[in-house]
């Protein structure tokens, strides 16, 4: 497949010198670079969110029957909450 890419002039010049010094074509250099980057991504461990749960006895009595909106509003209330 043919495609066109745009590179900053300094990067292109550096890549061209690199390829020439190794007797490679720009095509071969770009293919090698893309393969290397994609192989590195496969080796990375997927993100895993740590367990942030805490031990406790559940909600305090004033929140037992509250809706999520009521809890949220109280938490972000600058006078009574933490907001």
PDB file of N, CA and C in Angstrom:
ATOM      1  N   UNK A   1       0.845  -1.173   0.000  1.00  0.00           N
ATOM      2  CA  UNK A   1       0.000   0.000   0.000  1.00  0.00           C
ATOM      3  C   UNK A   1       0.892   1.239   0.000  1.00  0.00           C
ATOM      4  N   UNK A   2       0.524   2.215  -0.748  1.00  0.00           N
ATOM      5  CA  UNK A   2       1.274   3.457  -0.783  1.00  0.00           C
ATOM      6  C   UNK A   2       0.538   4.494   0.043  1.00  0.00           C
ATOM      7  N   UNK A   3       1.325   5.320   0.722  1.00  0.00           N
ATOM      8  CA  UNK A   3       0.747   6.404   1.500  1.00  0.00           C
ATOM      9  C   UNK A   3       1.744   7.554   1.555  1.00  0.00           C
ATOM     10  N   UNK A   4       1.288   8.682   1.975  1.00  0.00           N
ATOM     11  CA  UNK A   4       2.143   9.850   2.127  1.00  0.00           C
ATOM     12  C   UNK A   4       2.156  10.232   3.592  1.00  0.00           C
ATOM     13  N   UNK A   5       3.348  10.515   4.106  1.00  0.00           N
ATOM     14  CA  UNK A   5       3.456  10.990   5.484  1.00  0.00           C
ATOM     15  C   UNK A   5       4.193  12.314   5.481  1.00  0.00           C
ATOM     16  N   UNK A   6       3.886  13.138   6.456  1.00  0.00           N
ATOM     17  CA  UNK A   6       4.579  14.411   6.605  1.00  0.00           C
ATOM     18  C   UNK A   6       5.459  14.330   7.834  1.00  0.00           C
ATOM     19  N   UNK A   7       6.720  14.703   7.673  1.00  0.00           N
ATOM     20  CA  UNK A   7       7.679  14.711   8.773  1.00  0.00           C
ATOM     21  C   UNK A   7       8.308  16.089   8.858  1.00  0.00           C
ATOM     22  N   UNK A   8       8.666  16.523  10.043  1.00  0.00           N
ATOM     23  CA  UNK A   8       9.424  17.769  10.139  1.00  0.00           C
ATOM     24  C   UNK A   8      10.756  17.592   9.387  1.00  0.00           C
ATOM     25  N   UNK A   9      11.191  18.634   8.717  1.00  0.00           N
ATOM     26  CA  UNK A   9      12.417  18.548   7.920  1.00  0.00           C
ATOM     27  C   UNK A   9      13.606  17.998   8.709  1.00  0.00           C
ATOM     28  N   UNK A  10      13.861  18.485   9.940  1.00  0.00           N
ATOM     29  CA  UNK A  10      15.027  17.946  10.664  1.00  0.00           C
ATOM     30  C   UNK A  10      14.926  16.439  10.929  1.00  0.00           C
ATOM     31  N   UNK A  11      13.730  15.967  11.233  1.00  0.00           N
ATOM     32  CA  UNK A  11      13.551  14.536  11.479  1.00  0.00           C
ATOM     33  C   UNK A  11      13.768  13.742  10.198  1.00  0.00           C
ATOM     34  N   UNK A  12      13.233  14.260   9.093  1.00  0.00           N
ATOM     35  CA  UNK A  12      13.417  13.586   7.817  1.00  0.00           C
ATOM     36  C   UNK A  12      14.899  13.497   7.458  1.00  0.00           C
ATOM     37  N   UNK A  13      15.627  14.590   7.611  1.00  0.00           N
ATOM     38  CA  UNK A  13      17.055  14.599   7.287  1.00  0.00           C
ATOM     39  C   UNK A  13      17.816  13.615   8.169  1.00  0.00           C
ATOM     40  N   UNK A  14      17.486  13.593   9.453  1.00  0.00           N
ATOM     41  CA  UNK A  14      18.140  12.663  10.382  1.00  0.00           C
ATOM     42  C   UNK A  14      17.831  11.218   9.998  1.00  0.00           C
ATOM     43  N   UNK A  15      16.587  10.950   9.662  1.00  0.00           N
ATOM     44  CA  UNK A  15      16.193   9.595   9.275  1.00  0.00           C
ATOM     45  C   UNK A  15      16.884   9.184   7.984  1.00  0.00           C
ATOM     46  N   UNK A  16      16.954  10.110   7.037  1.00  0.00           N
ATOM     47  CA  UNK A  16      17.614   9.797   5.766  1.00  0.00           C
ATOM     48  C   UNK A  16      19.092   9.468   5.977  1.00  0.00           C
ATOM     49  N   UNK A  17      19.774  10.263   6.801  1.00  0.00           N
ATOM     50  CA  UNK A  17      21.190   9.987   7.101  1.00  0.00           C
ATOM     51  C   UNK A  17      21.336   8.638   7.795  1.00  0.00           C
ATOM     52  N   UNK A  18      20.424   8.354   8.730  1.00  0.00           N
ATOM     53  CA  UNK A  18      20.460   7.086   9.451  1.00  0.00           C
ATOM     54  C   UNK A  18      20.304   5.918   8.476  1.00  0.00           C
ATOM     55  N   UNK A  19      19.312   6.013   7.604  1.00  0.00           N
ATOM     56  CA  UNK A  19      19.053   4.945   6.636  1.00  0.00           C
ATOM     57  C   UNK A  19      20.246   4.770   5.696  1.00  0.00           C
ATOM     58  N   UNK A  20      20.769   5.868   5.184  1.00  0.00           N
ATOM     59  CA  UNK A  20      21.907   5.783   4.263  1.00  0.00           C
ATOM     60  C   UNK A  20      23.123   5.159   4.931  1.00  0.00           C
ATOM     61  N   UNK A  21      23.371   5.511   6.188  1.00  0.00           N
ATOM     62  CA  UNK A  21      24.554   4.972   6.877  1.00  0.00           C
ATOM     63  C   UNK A  21      24.436   3.469   7.125  1.00  0.00           C
ATOM     64  N   UNK A  22      23.222   2.958   7.067  1.00  0.00           N
ATOM     65  CA  UNK A  22      22.997   1.526   7.275  1.00  0.00           C
ATOM     66  C   UNK A  22      22.590   0.824   5.981  1.00  0.00           C
ATOM     67  N   UNK A  23      22.751   1.546   4.877  1.00  0.00           N
ATOM     68  CA  UNK A  23      22.427   0.998   3.549  1.00  0.00           C
ATOM     69  C   UNK A  23      20.993   0.472   3.503  1.00  0.00           C
ATOM     70  N   UNK A  24      20.074   1.298   4.025  1.00  0.00           N
ATOM     71  CA  UNK A  24      18.651   0.964   4.040  1.00  0.00           C
ATOM     72  C   UNK A  24      17.896   1.995   3.230  1.00  0.00           C
ATOM     73  N   UNK A  25      16.719   1.627   2.803  1.00  0.00           N
ATOM     74  CA  UNK A  25      15.822   2.609   2.195  1.00  0.00           C
ATOM     75  C   UNK A  25      15.003   3.260   3.301  1.00  0.00           C
ATOM     76  N   UNK A  26      14.435   4.407   2.990  1.00  0.00           N
ATOM     77  CA  UNK A  26      13.548   5.049   3.960  1.00  0.00           C
ATOM     78  C   UNK A  26      12.351   4.147   4.247  1.00  0.00           C
ATOM     79  N   UNK A  27      11.876   3.466   3.215  1.00  0.00           N
ATOM     80  CA  UNK A  27      10.749   2.553   3.392  1.00  0.00           C
ATOM     81  C   UNK A  27      11.104   1.486   4.422  1.00  0.00           C
ATOM     82  N   UNK A  28      12.286   0.890   4.288  1.00  0.00           N
ATOM     83  CA  UNK A  28      12.699  -0.163   5.220  1.00  0.00           C
ATOM     84  C   UNK A  28      12.847   0.387   6.637  1.00  0.00           C
ATOM     85  N   UNK A  29      13.384   1.601   6.757  1.00  0.00           N
ATOM     86  CA  UNK A  29      13.540   2.206   8.080  1.00  0.00           C
ATOM     87  C   UNK A  29      12.184   2.455   8.733  1.00  0.00           C
ATOM     88  N   UNK A  30      11.253   2.992   7.974  1.00  0.00           N
ATOM     89  CA  UNK A  30       9.920   3.268   8.526  1.00  0.00           C
ATOM     90  C   UNK A  30       9.216   1.974   8.902  1.00  0.00           C
ATOM     91  N   UNK A  31       9.311   0.943   8.056  1.00  0.00           N
ATOM     92  CA  UNK A  31       8.701  -0.352   8.382  1.00  0.00           C
ATOM     93  C   UNK A  31       9.296  -0.913   9.669  1.00  0.00           C
ATOM     94  N   UNK A  32      10.618  -0.849   9.775  1.00  0.00           N
ATOM     95  CA  UNK A  32      11.287  -1.373  10.967  1.00  0.00           C
ATOM     96  C   UNK A  32      10.845  -0.606  12.211  1.00  0.00           C
ATOM     97  N   UNK A  33      10.773   0.702  12.090  1.00  0.00           N
ATOM     98  CA  UNK A  33      10.347   1.515  13.234  1.00  0.00           C
ATOM     99  C   UNK A  33       8.925   1.223  13.658  1.00  0.00           C
ATOM    100  N   UNK A  34       8.024   1.108  12.699  1.00  0.00           N
ATOM    101  CA  UNK A  34       6.627   0.807  13.023  1.00  0.00           C
ATOM    102  C   UNK A  34       6.492  -0.563  13.677  1.00  0.00           C
ATOM    103  N   UNK A  35       7.210  -1.543  13.139  1.00  0.00           N
ATOM    104  CA  UNK A  35       7.142  -2.883  13.738  1.00  0.00           C
ATOM    105  C   UNK A  35       7.660  -2.879  15.172  1.00  0.00           C
ATOM    106  N   UNK A  36       8.738  -2.142  15.396  1.00  0.00           N
ATOM    107  CA  UNK A  36       9.315  -2.083  16.747  1.00  0.00           C
ATOM    108  C   UNK A  36       8.337  -1.433  17.729  1.00  0.00           C
ATOM    109  N   UNK A  37       7.749  -0.328  17.339  1.00  0.00           N
ATOM    110  CA  UNK A  37       6.802   0.361  18.224  1.00  0.00           C
ATOM    111  C   UNK A  37       5.602  -0.520  18.522  1.00  0.00           C
ATOM    112  N   UNK A  38       5.071  -1.180  17.509  1.00  0.00           N
ATOM    113  CA  UNK A  38       3.897  -2.031  17.731  1.00  0.00           C
ATOM    114  C   UNK A  38       4.237  -3.251  18.572  1.00  0.00           C
ATOM    115  N   UNK A  39       5.438  -3.795  18.438  1.00  0.00           N
ATOM    116  CA  UNK A  39       5.857  -4.936  19.261  1.00  0.00           C
ATOM    117  C   UNK A  39       5.996  -4.510  20.716  1.00  0.00           C
ATOM    118  N   UNK A  40       6.510  -3.298  20.959  1.00  0.00           N
ATOM    119  CA  UNK A  40       6.650  -2.804  22.328  1.00  0.00           C
ATOM    120  C   UNK A  40       5.290  -2.646  22.976  1.00  0.00           C
ATOM    121  N   UNK A  41       4.316  -2.188  22.241  1.00  0.00           N
ATOM    122  CA  UNK A  41       2.973  -2.012  22.790  1.00  0.00           C
ATOM    123  C   UNK A  41       2.376  -3.345  23.215  1.00  0.00           C
ATOM    124  N   UNK A  42       2.653  -4.408  22.485  1.00  0.00           N
ATOM    125  CA  UNK A  42       2.122  -5.720  22.827  1.00  0.00           C
ATOM    126  C   UNK A  42       2.716  -6.220  24.131  1.00  0.00           C
ATOM    127  N   UNK A  43       3.962  -5.818  24.428  1.00  0.00           N
ATOM    128  CA  UNK A  43       4.646  -6.301  25.620  1.00  0.00           C
ATOM    129  C   UNK A  43       4.182  -5.580  26.884  1.00  0.00           C
ATOM    130  N   UNK A  44       3.612  -4.390  26.741  1.00  0.00           N
ATOM    131  CA  UNK A  44       3.171  -3.645  27.904  1.00  0.00           C
ATOM    132  C   UNK A  44       2.013  -4.364  28.588  1.00  0.00           C
ATOM    133  N   UNK A  45       2.040  -4.334  29.896  1.00  0.00           N
ATOM    134  CA  UNK A  45       0.927  -4.916  30.642  1.00  0.00           C
ATOM    135  C   UNK A  45      -0.268  -3.986  30.516  1.00  0.00           C
ATOM    136  N   UNK A  46      -1.449  -4.541  30.390  1.00  0.00           N
ATOM    137  CA  UNK A  46      -2.626  -3.675  30.312  1.00  0.00           C
ATOM    138  C   UNK A  46      -2.839  -2.959  31.646  1.00  0.00           C
ATOM    139  N   UNK A  47      -3.410  -1.765  31.570  1.00  0.00           N
ATOM    140  CA  UNK A  47      -3.686  -0.998  32.781  1.00  0.00           C
ATOM    141  C   UNK A  47      -4.668  -1.761  33.650  1.00  0.00           C
ATOM    142  N   UNK A  48      -4.384  -1.784  34.920  1.00  0.00           N
ATOM    143  CA  UNK A  48      -5.279  -2.452  35.857  1.00  0.00           C
ATOM    144  C   UNK A  48      -5.488  -1.538  37.048  1.00  0.00           C
ATOM    145  N   UNK A  49      -6.718  -1.161  37.282  1.00  0.00           N
ATOM    146  CA  UNK A  49      -7.051  -0.276  38.381  1.00  0.00           C
ATOM    147  C   UNK A  49      -6.933  -1.046  39.686  1.00  0.00           C
ATOM    148  N   UNK A  50      -6.184  -0.484  40.617  1.00  0.00           N
ATOM    149  CA  UNK A  50      -6.011  -1.176  41.895  1.00  0.00           C
ATOM    150  C   UNK A  50      -7.322  -1.165  42.675  1.00  0.00           C
ATOM    151  N   UNK A  51      -7.461  -2.115  43.555  1.00  0.00           N
ATOM    152  CA  UNK A  51      -8.656  -2.211  44.383  1.00  0.00           C
ATOM    153  C   UNK A  51      -8.605  -1.096  45.416  1.00  0.00           C
ATOM    154  N   UNK A  52      -9.496  -0.154  45.314  1.00  0.00           N
ATOM    155  CA  UNK A  52      -9.517   0.983  46.227  1.00  0.00           C
ATOM    156  C   UNK A  52     -10.584   0.860  47.302  1.00  0.00           C
ATOM    157  N   UNK A  53     -11.145  -0.321  47.442  1.00  0.00           N
ATOM    158  CA  UNK A  53     -12.195  -0.483  48.447  1.00  0.00           C
ATOM    159  C   UNK A  53     -11.585  -0.465  49.845  1.00  0.00           C
ATOM    160  N   UNK A  54     -12.405  -0.111  50.794  1.00  0.00           N
ATOM    161  CA  UNK A  54     -11.960  -0.022  52.187  1.00  0.00           C
ATOM    162  C   UNK A  54     -12.877  -0.866  53.063  1.00  0.00           C
ATOM    163  N   UNK A  55     -12.334  -1.247  54.179  1.00  0.00           N
ATOM    164  CA  UNK A  55     -13.157  -2.003  55.135  1.00  0.00           C
ATOM    165  C   UNK A  55     -14.018  -1.021  55.903  1.00  0.00           C
ATOM    166  N   UNK A  56     -15.145  -1.457  56.321  1.00  0.00           N
ATOM    167  CA  UNK A  56     -16.029  -0.575  57.076  1.00  0.00           C
ATOM    168  C   UNK A  56     -17.385  -1.218  57.261  1.00  0.00           C
ATOM    169  N   UNK A  57     -18.288  -0.437  57.797  1.00  0.00           N
ATOM    170  CA  UNK A  57     -19.621  -0.931  58.093  1.00  0.00           C
ATOM    171  C   UNK A  57     -20.670  -0.328  57.162  1.00  0.00           C
ATOM    172  N   UNK A  58     -20.257   0.113  55.998  1.00  0.00           N
ATOM    173  CA  UNK A  58     -21.213   0.684  55.068  1.00  0.00           C
ATOM    174  C   UNK A  58     -21.454   2.152  55.345  1.00  0.00           C
ATOM    175  N   UNK A  59     -22.572   2.642  54.891  1.00  0.00           N
ATOM    176  CA  UNK A  59     -22.897   4.054  55.036  1.00  0.00           C
ATOM    177  C   UNK A  59     -23.295   4.390  56.464  1.00  0.00           C
ATOM    178  N   UNK A  60     -22.969   5.610  56.849  1.00  0.00           N
ATOM    179  CA  UNK A  60     -23.412   6.081  58.166  1.00  0.00           C
ATOM    180  C   UNK A  60     -24.921   6.294  58.102  1.00  0.00           C
ATOM    181  N   UNK A  61     -25.581   6.316  59.263  1.00  0.00           N
ATOM    182  CA  UNK A  61     -27.053   6.386  59.281  1.00  0.00           C
ATOM    183  C   UNK A  61     -27.649   7.517  58.441  1.00  0.00           C
ATOM    184  N   UNK A  62     -27.019   8.697  58.438  1.00  0.00           N
ATOM    185  CA  UNK A  62     -27.607   9.814  57.683  1.00  0.00           C
ATOM    186  C   UNK A  62     -27.566   9.608  56.168  1.00  0.00           C
ATOM    187  N   UNK A  63     -26.762   8.648  55.706  1.00  0.00           N
ATOM    188  CA  UNK A  63     -26.670   8.389  54.269  1.00  0.00           C
ATOM    189  C   UNK A  63     -27.346   7.082  53.859  1.00  0.00           C
ATOM    190  N   UNK A  64     -27.856   6.320  54.787  1.00  0.00           N
ATOM    191  CA  UNK A  64     -28.401   4.998  54.483  1.00  0.00           C
ATOM    192  C   UNK A  64     -29.505   5.037  53.421  1.00  0.00           C
ATOM    193  N   UNK A  65     -30.390   6.001  53.484  1.00  0.00           N
ATOM    194  CA  UNK A  65     -31.503   6.068  52.534  1.00  0.00           C
ATOM    195  C   UNK A  65     -31.362   7.234  51.552  1.00  0.00           C
ATOM    196  N   UNK A  66     -30.176   7.823  51.497  1.00  0.00           N
ATOM    197  CA  UNK A  66     -29.961   8.970  50.608  1.00  0.00           C
ATOM    198  C   UNK A  66     -29.708   8.486  49.181  1.00  0.00           C
ATOM    199  N   UNK A  67     -30.126   9.298  48.233  1.00  0.00           N
ATOM    200  CA  UNK A  67     -29.840   8.994  46.825  1.00  0.00           C
ATOM    201  C   UNK A  67     -28.400   9.415  46.517  1.00  0.00           C
ATOM    202  N   UNK A  68     -27.888   8.915  45.398  1.00  0.00           N
ATOM    203  CA  UNK A  68     -26.542   9.308  45.000  1.00  0.00           C
ATOM    204  C   UNK A  68     -26.460  10.827  44.818  1.00  0.00           C
ATOM    205  N   UNK A  69     -27.486  11.450  44.273  1.00  0.00           N
ATOM    206  CA  UNK A  69     -27.481  12.895  44.065  1.00  0.00           C
ATOM    207  C   UNK A  69     -27.367  13.639  45.393  1.00  0.00           C
ATOM    208  N   UNK A  70     -28.060  13.158  46.428  1.00  0.00           N
ATOM    209  CA  UNK A  70     -27.987  13.801  47.743  1.00  0.00           C
ATOM    210  C   UNK A  70     -26.586  13.658  48.342  1.00  0.00           C
ATOM    211  N   UNK A  71     -26.012  12.482  48.216  1.00  0.00           N
ATOM    212  CA  UNK A  71     -24.653  12.255  48.736  1.00  0.00           C
ATOM    213  C   UNK A  71     -23.676  13.157  47.994  1.00  0.00           C
ATOM    214  N   UNK A  72     -23.765  13.164  46.669  1.00  0.00           N
ATOM    215  CA  UNK A  72     -22.871  13.985  45.853  1.00  0.00           C
ATOM    216  C   UNK A  72     -23.008  15.461  46.207  1.00  0.00           C
ATOM    217  N   UNK A  73     -24.242  15.944  46.321  1.00  0.00           N
ATOM    218  CA  UNK A  73     -24.449  17.355  46.628  1.00  0.00           C
ATOM    219  C   UNK A  73     -23.848  17.722  47.977  1.00  0.00           C
ATOM    220  N   UNK A  74     -23.968  16.841  48.946  1.00  0.00           N
ATOM    221  CA  UNK A  74     -23.407  17.117  50.267  1.00  0.00           C
ATOM    222  C   UNK A  74     -21.879  17.099  50.230  1.00  0.00           C
ATOM    223  N   UNK A  75     -21.309  16.160  49.488  1.00  0.00           N
ATOM    224  CA  UNK A  75     -19.851  16.076  49.395  1.00  0.00           C
ATOM    225  C   UNK A  75     -19.275  17.333  48.761  1.00  0.00           C
ATOM    226  N   UNK A  76     -19.948  17.853  47.738  1.00  0.00           N
ATOM    227  CA  UNK A  76     -19.439  19.036  47.033  1.00  0.00           C
ATOM    228  C   UNK A  76     -19.963  20.357  47.594  1.00  0.00           C
ATOM    229  N   UNK A  77     -20.713  20.315  48.676  1.00  0.00           N
ATOM    230  CA  UNK A  77     -21.214  21.527  49.314  1.00  0.00           C
ATOM    231  C   UNK A  77     -20.041  22.213  50.020  1.00  0.00           C
ATOM    232  N   UNK A  78     -19.698  23.469  49.622  1.00  0.00           N
ATOM    233  CA  UNK A  78     -18.528  24.122  50.225  1.00  0.00           C
ATOM    234  C   UNK A  78     -18.693  24.434  51.706  1.00  0.00           C
ATOM    235  N   UNK A  79     -19.913  24.466  52.212  1.00  0.00           N
ATOM    236  CA  UNK A  79     -20.129  24.777  53.620  1.00  0.00           C
ATOM    237  C   UNK A  79     -20.096  23.508  54.474  1.00  0.00           C
ATOM    238  N   UNK A  80     -20.790  22.458  54.031  1.00  0.00           N
ATOM    239  CA  UNK A  80     -20.923  21.269  54.854  1.00  0.00           C
ATOM    240  C   UNK A  80     -20.043  20.105  54.404  1.00  0.00           C
ATOM    241  N   UNK A  81     -19.675  20.116  53.163  1.00  0.00           N
ATOM    242  CA  UNK A  81     -18.915  18.981  52.636  1.00  0.00           C
ATOM    243  C   UNK A  81     -17.436  19.287  52.471  1.00  0.00           C
ATOM    244  N   UNK A  82     -16.834  18.626  51.507  1.00  0.00           N
ATOM    245  CA  UNK A  82     -15.405  18.743  51.277  1.00  0.00           C
ATOM    246  C   UNK A  82     -15.094  19.631  50.077  1.00  0.00           C
ATOM    247  N   UNK A  83     -16.113  20.056  49.347  1.00  0.00           N
ATOM    248  CA  UNK A  83     -15.924  20.828  48.125  1.00  0.00           C
ATOM    249  C   UNK A  83     -15.478  22.179  48.363  1.00  0.00           C
TER     250      UNK A  83
END
